[in-house]
Protein backbone atom coordinates (compact mmCIF):
# COMPACT_ATOMS: atom_id res chain seq x y z
CA LEU A 1 -0.04 -0.15 -0.35
CA SER A 2 1.38 3.33 -1.19
CA ARG A 3 2.29 5.93 1.97
CA THR A 4 2.63 8.65 -0.87
CA PHE A 5 0.06 10.48 -2.82
CA GLU A 6 -0.15 13.55 -5.29
CA VAL A 7 -2.48 16.32 -3.90
CA THR A 8 -3.66 19.70 -4.01
CA THR A 9 -3.05 21.54 -1.33
CA THR A 10 -4.71 25.33 0.12
CA MET A 11 -5.05 26.25 3.25
CA TYR A 12 -7.96 27.19 5.64
CA PHE A 13 -8.99 29.60 9.13
CA ALA A 14 -10.27 28.23 12.16
CA VAL A 15 -13.69 30.30 11.55
CA ALA A 16 -17.01 28.79 11.88
CA SER A 17 -17.25 29.93 8.09
CA GLN A 18 -14.77 27.45 7.02
CA CYS A 19 -15.25 25.07 9.84
CA ASP A 20 -18.24 24.57 12.13
CA SER A 21 -20.13 25.81 14.64
CA ASP A 22 -17.04 25.25 17.20
CA PRO A 23 -14.31 25.82 14.41
CA LEU A 24 -11.50 26.37 17.45
CA VAL A 25 -11.53 22.07 17.98
CA THR A 26 -11.22 19.98 15.14
CA ALA A 27 -12.80 16.29 13.74
CA GLY A 28 -9.41 15.10 16.02
CA MET A 29 -10.52 16.67 18.73
CA PHE A 30 -7.22 18.93 18.58
CA LYS A 31 -7.65 22.61 20.36
CA ILE A 32 -7.16 25.50 18.47
CA ASN A 33 -5.07 28.31 19.35
CA PRO A 34 -6.67 31.14 16.17
CA SER A 35 -3.46 33.05 17.18
CA LYS A 36 -1.23 31.43 16.30
CA ALA A 37 -2.91 28.58 14.48
CA SER A 38 0.10 28.38 11.27
CA SER A 39 3.02 27.67 14.49
CA HIS A 40 0.74 24.12 15.07
CA LYS A 41 2.01 23.03 11.52
CA TRP A 42 -1.93 20.89 11.43
CA VAL A 43 -3.31 19.88 8.49
CA ALA A 44 -7.14 19.29 7.38
CA MET A 45 -7.31 16.22 4.79
CA SER A 46 -10.52 15.10 2.26
CA ARG A 47 -12.37 12.01 3.30
CA ASP A 48 -10.82 9.71 0.89
CA LEU A 49 -7.54 9.83 2.75
CA LEU A 50 -9.12 9.84 6.13
CA ALA A 51 -8.95 6.15 7.99
CA ARG A 52 -12.53 6.25 9.08
CA TRP A 53 -14.11 6.71 5.49
CA GLY A 54 -11.48 4.37 3.68
CA GLY A 55 -8.18 5.95 3.57
CA ILE A 56 -4.51 5.16 5.19
CA PHE A 57 -4.26 8.38 7.16
CA HIS A 58 -5.97 8.77 11.23
CA TYR A 59 -5.91 12.19 13.52
CA GLY A 60 -2.95 12.46 14.97
CA ASP A 61 -0.56 10.91 12.13
CA LYS A 62 2.79 13.07 10.88
CA VAL A 63 2.87 13.85 7.64
CA LYS A 64 5.66 14.81 5.02
CA ILE A 65 4.37 17.52 2.62
CA GLU A 66 6.86 18.58 -0.41
CA GLY A 67 7.08 20.42 -3.65
CA THR A 68 5.13 23.29 -1.89
CA ASP A 69 6.59 27.19 -2.28
CA GLY A 70 7.73 27.39 1.74
CA LYS A 71 5.24 24.83 3.30
CA ASP A 72 7.13 22.06 2.90
CA GLY A 73 7.49 20.61 6.37
CA VAL A 74 6.29 17.74 8.36
CA TYR A 75 2.71 18.24 9.95
CA THR A 76 0.40 16.70 11.86
CA VAL A 77 -3.50 15.48 10.88
CA VAL A 78 -6.17 16.68 12.91
CA ASP A 79 -9.54 17.72 10.93
CA ALA A 80 -11.44 16.22 7.80
CA MET A 81 -12.22 18.56 4.60
CA ASN A 82 -16.16 18.72 3.57
CA LYS A 83 -17.50 15.60 1.96
CA ARG A 84 -17.13 17.54 -1.60
CA PHE A 85 -13.14 17.83 -2.05
CA LYS A 86 -11.02 14.69 -3.07
CA ARG A 87 -6.98 14.41 -2.89
CA ARG A 88 -7.01 17.25 -0.88
CA ILE A 89 -5.17 19.01 1.90
CA ASP A 90 -5.53 22.25 3.79
CA ILE A 91 -3.35 23.07 5.92
CA LEU A 92 -4.42 25.46 9.16
CA GLU A 93 -2.90 29.09 9.26
CA THR A 94 -3.22 32.37 11.25
CA LYS A 95 -5.99 34.90 9.90
CA GLY A 96 -4.57 37.25 7.81
CA THR A 97 -2.27 34.14 5.59
CA LYS A 98 -2.14 35.20 2.51
CA PHE A 99 -4.16 32.34 0.41
CA TYR A 100 -2.41 30.51 -1.86
CA ARG A 101 -2.79 26.49 -3.47
CA PHE A 102 -0.41 24.33 -4.84
CA ASP A 103 -1.01 21.61 -7.44
CA GLY A 104 0.85 18.88 -7.70
CA VAL A 105 2.09 18.32 -3.63
CA LYS A 106 3.37 15.18 -2.40
CA ILE A 107 2.38 13.95 1.51
CA THR A 108 3.86 10.94 3.23
CA LYS A 109 2.77 9.50 5.87
CA LEU A 110 5.16 9.23 8.68
């Protein structure tokens, strides 16, 4: 079973309009500090990648991200994305971060 996937990488903020009614708690029950969200190094994943829906990743897993401009590194899986997304991750960012999108990013389960 491959541990590396090619995904589209975008970003999100811990706000109700992009999350749910309790945006400071992730689906994996991690608590977000909104003023330091970027420093958490956390990601949400599309459901096709998460074990609960048949993927290989679990909340708390570490993933290596490669192929972005300035966002490569090791992140922790803490959240699920809306079911409309496939082969995608969202990096949690502090409000005010400029929006970005990277295609063809490699993520590897560590």
